[in-house]
Amino acid sequence: TQILNKMIYNSAGHHNLDSGAVAMYKGKLIKENENAVIIRNKISARLKERGYSFIIDKDTETLSEYLKRIKPGNGSVGCEHHLNASTNAKATGVEVVVKNNANANSIAIAKDLAKGISSLTGIPLRNGNGVITENDTHRGKLGLLHKEGIWVLIEYGFITNPNDMDKLYANLDKVCSFVADTLITYEDKIK
């Protein structure tokens, strides 16, 4: 098989006009999109530091605009960054979403990411191993996961759970370096 478009895609998942989930944290309103941009940018900095090329979403473009712009091939590795939300303030956990009929590499990277993020933060894994399919989400089909290559959507914890956010913020640099390094590992595997 010919390897096409060997590239890392790193997406914040929400644009400037789409806050995603919001919650009060230590008396301040925090937004999913702002946190996802910070995560994406830290991961991008690590990818750049290690000398890897990558493509990110623009803060001004919608998901459909991003999906039209990018041209991943079977040599691509991509992820999108999110925070979960619940009306139950105790809901907790890291989970990584893959498409329903995900390839073996997508499932493997999802397990590695979930386990590593949980280990670094102390936020527990959801659903046993921390990996779910898009059918297990309230959204159903997730467009980005259906691009060619290895794709995952990471839920780093619950924005509505202050303990999850404490743990994520305390370990954010380590988590972002780990995610970047994991993306690199899987991109390097594709021959």
Protein backbone atom coordinates (compact mmCIF):
# COMPACT_ATOMS: atom_id res chain seq x y z
CA THR A 1 0.00 0.00 0.00
CA GLN A 2 1.29 3.45 -0.89
CA ILE A 3 1.52 5.77 2.12
CA LEU A 4 -0.26 9.06 1.43
CA ASN A 5 0.07 12.39 3.24
CA LYS A 6 2.11 11.45 6.31
CA MET A 7 1.03 14.29 8.59
CA ILE A 8 -0.08 14.97 12.17
CA TYR A 9 -3.38 16.85 12.59
CA ASN A 10 -3.94 18.60 15.91
CA SER A 11 -7.36 20.19 16.47
CA ALA A 12 -8.88 22.17 19.35
CA GLY A 13 -12.33 21.03 18.25
CA HIS A 14 -14.20 24.25 19.05
CA HIS A 15 -13.76 27.63 17.38
CA ASN A 16 -13.98 31.16 18.83
CA LEU A 17 -17.77 31.37 18.41
CA ASP A 18 -18.41 27.86 19.81
CA SER A 19 -17.48 27.72 23.49
CA GLY A 20 -18.33 24.04 23.90
CA ALA A 21 -18.98 23.09 27.51
CA VAL A 22 -18.74 25.75 30.21
CA ALA A 23 -18.48 25.53 33.99
CA MET A 24 -17.65 27.53 37.07
CA TYR A 25 -14.18 26.81 38.41
CA LYS A 26 -12.87 28.58 41.50
CA GLY A 27 -15.40 31.38 41.02
CA LYS A 28 -14.59 31.91 37.34
CA LEU A 29 -16.38 30.78 34.19
CA ILE A 30 -14.17 28.46 32.16
CA LYS A 31 -14.86 27.36 28.60
CA GLU A 32 -14.02 24.17 26.76
CA ASN A 33 -12.85 25.96 23.60
CA GLU A 34 -10.33 28.11 25.50
CA ASN A 35 -8.90 25.09 27.32
CA ALA A 36 -8.76 23.03 24.11
CA VAL A 37 -6.82 25.82 22.35
CA ILE A 38 -4.28 25.86 25.21
CA ILE A 39 -3.92 22.07 24.97
CA ARG A 40 -3.61 22.16 21.17
CA ASN A 41 -1.00 24.92 21.31
CA LYS A 42 1.10 23.13 23.94
CA ILE A 43 1.00 19.93 21.86
CA SER A 44 1.94 21.93 18.75
CA ALA A 45 4.91 23.46 20.60
CA ARG A 46 6.15 19.97 21.53
CA LEU A 47 5.70 18.70 17.96
CA LYS A 48 7.66 21.70 16.67
CA GLU A 49 10.37 21.19 19.30
CA ARG A 50 10.77 17.60 18.11
CA GLY A 51 10.93 18.70 14.47
CA TYR A 52 7.63 17.23 13.27
CA SER A 53 5.27 18.85 10.77
CA PHE A 54 1.63 19.25 11.73
CA ILE A 55 -1.56 21.01 10.73
CA ILE A 56 -3.94 22.66 13.20
CA ASP A 57 -7.45 24.01 13.00
CA LYS A 58 -7.83 27.79 12.92
CA ASP A 59 -9.61 29.42 15.86
CA THR A 60 -11.92 31.20 13.39
CA GLU A 61 -13.00 28.18 11.32
CA THR A 62 -15.90 25.84 11.98
CA LEU A 63 -15.40 22.10 12.05
CA SER A 64 -16.94 21.75 8.59
CA GLU A 65 -14.54 24.40 7.22
CA TYR A 66 -11.60 22.56 8.81
CA LEU A 67 -12.76 19.21 7.43
CA LYS A 68 -12.99 20.72 3.93
CA ARG A 69 -9.53 22.30 4.21
CA ILE A 70 -7.52 19.30 5.40
CA LYS A 71 -6.51 16.43 3.13
CA PRO A 72 -5.32 13.58 5.35
CA GLY A 73 -4.25 10.29 3.80
CA ASN A 74 -3.55 6.82 5.16
CA GLY A 75 -0.24 8.14 6.56
CA SER A 76 -1.99 10.67 8.80
CA VAL A 77 -2.45 10.70 12.56
CA GLY A 78 -4.96 13.13 14.02
CA CYS A 79 -6.61 14.06 17.27
CA GLU A 80 -9.14 16.53 18.57
CA HIS A 81 -9.14 17.87 22.14
CA HIS A 82 -12.24 18.15 24.34
CA LEU A 83 -13.49 18.29 27.90
CA ASN A 84 -16.57 16.37 28.96
CA ALA A 85 -19.47 17.90 30.91
CA SER A 86 -22.24 16.61 33.12
CA THR A 87 -25.00 17.92 35.38
CA ASN A 88 -23.45 15.58 37.98
CA ALA A 89 -20.47 17.53 39.38
CA LYS A 90 -18.90 14.23 40.50
CA ALA A 91 -18.82 12.75 36.97
CA THR A 92 -15.17 12.10 36.22
CA GLY A 93 -12.83 10.36 33.87
CA VAL A 94 -10.62 10.33 30.82
CA GLU A 95 -11.95 8.76 27.64
CA VAL A 96 -10.81 8.62 24.05
CA VAL A 97 -13.36 8.24 21.25
CA VAL A 98 -12.75 6.25 18.05
CA LYS A 99 -15.08 5.69 15.11
CA ASN A 100 -17.37 2.65 15.26
CA ASN A 101 -15.30 0.50 12.89
CA ALA A 102 -11.93 1.96 13.92
CA ASN A 103 -8.74 0.43 12.57
CA ALA A 104 -6.36 -1.40 14.93
CA ASN A 105 -3.96 1.57 15.10
CA SER A 106 -6.77 3.97 16.09
CA ILE A 107 -7.85 1.61 18.89
CA ALA A 108 -4.24 1.11 20.03
CA ILE A 109 -3.43 4.84 20.17
CA ALA A 110 -6.74 5.50 21.96
CA LYS A 111 -5.83 2.96 24.66
CA ASP A 112 -2.30 4.37 24.99
CA LEU A 113 -3.56 7.96 25.22
CA ALA A 114 -6.32 7.17 27.74
CA LYS A 115 -4.01 5.13 29.97
CA GLY A 116 -1.19 7.70 29.80
CA ILE A 117 -3.38 10.74 30.47
CA SER A 118 -5.06 8.95 33.38
CA SER A 119 -1.70 7.89 34.79
CA LEU A 120 -0.19 11.39 34.51
CA THR A 121 -3.19 13.21 36.00
CA GLY A 122 -4.71 10.71 38.41
CA ILE A 123 -8.08 11.21 36.66
CA PRO A 124 -9.64 7.72 36.39
CA LEU A 125 -10.39 5.96 33.11
CA ARG A 126 -14.05 5.86 32.11
CA ASN A 127 -15.66 2.68 30.79
CA GLY A 128 -12.91 0.31 31.89
CA ASN A 129 -10.05 1.07 29.49
CA GLY A 130 -11.07 4.65 28.68
CA VAL A 131 -11.91 3.93 25.03
CA ILE A 132 -15.38 4.34 23.53
CA THR A 133 -16.82 4.41 20.04
CA GLU A 134 -18.76 7.32 18.60
CA ASN A 135 -21.97 5.29 19.11
CA ASP A 136 -21.27 5.56 22.86
CA THR A 137 -21.32 9.38 22.72
CA HIS A 138 -24.36 11.66 22.78
CA ARG A 139 -23.18 13.12 19.46
CA GLY A 140 -23.38 9.97 17.33
CA LYS A 141 -21.26 10.20 14.18
CA LEU A 142 -18.18 12.43 14.54
CA GLY A 143 -16.94 13.80 11.21
CA LEU A 144 -13.25 14.08 12.04
CA LEU A 145 -12.99 10.41 13.01
CA HIS A 146 -14.01 9.44 9.48
CA LYS A 147 -11.01 11.04 7.78
CA GLU A 148 -8.39 8.68 6.38
CA GLY A 149 -5.63 7.55 8.76
CA ILE A 150 -5.47 7.15 12.55
CA TRP A 151 -7.93 9.44 14.36
CA VAL A 152 -9.07 9.95 17.96
CA LEU A 153 -11.06 12.46 19.97
CA ILE A 154 -9.70 12.95 23.51
CA GLU A 155 -11.91 13.88 26.46
CA TYR A 156 -9.34 14.91 29.11
CA GLY A 157 -11.81 14.90 32.00
CA PHE A 158 -14.90 16.81 33.05
CA ILE A 159 -14.88 20.60 32.92
CA THR A 160 -17.82 20.41 35.38
CA ASN A 161 -15.71 18.53 37.96
CA PRO A 162 -13.29 20.86 39.81
CA ASN A 163 -11.17 17.87 40.91
CA ASP A 164 -10.66 16.78 37.29
CA MET A 165 -9.69 20.32 36.33
CA ASP A 166 -7.30 20.66 39.31
CA LYS A 167 -5.54 17.45 38.23
CA LEU A 168 -5.46 18.40 34.55
CA TYR A 169 -4.12 21.92 35.19
CA ALA A 170 -1.48 20.64 37.62
CA ASN A 171 -0.14 18.22 35.01
CA LEU A 172 -0.94 20.02 31.75
CA ASP A 173 2.62 20.37 30.43
CA LYS A 174 3.39 16.68 31.05
CA VAL A 175 0.08 15.61 29.51
CA CYS A 176 0.57 17.71 26.38
CA SER A 177 4.13 16.46 25.89
CA PHE A 178 2.89 12.89 26.32
CA VAL A 179 0.08 13.36 23.77
CA ALA A 180 2.47 14.94 21.25
CA ASP A 181 5.02 12.15 21.75
CA THR A 182 2.30 9.52 21.31
CA LEU A 183 1.12 11.11 18.06
CA ILE A 184 4.73 11.06 16.86
CA THR A 185 5.16 7.40 17.84
CA TYR A 186 2.14 6.39 15.79
CA GLU A 187 3.04 8.56 12.82
CA ASP A 188 6.53 7.02 12.84
CA LYS A 189 4.96 3.51 12.82
CA ILE A 190 3.22 4.13 9.51
CA LYS A 191 5.54 2.83 6.80
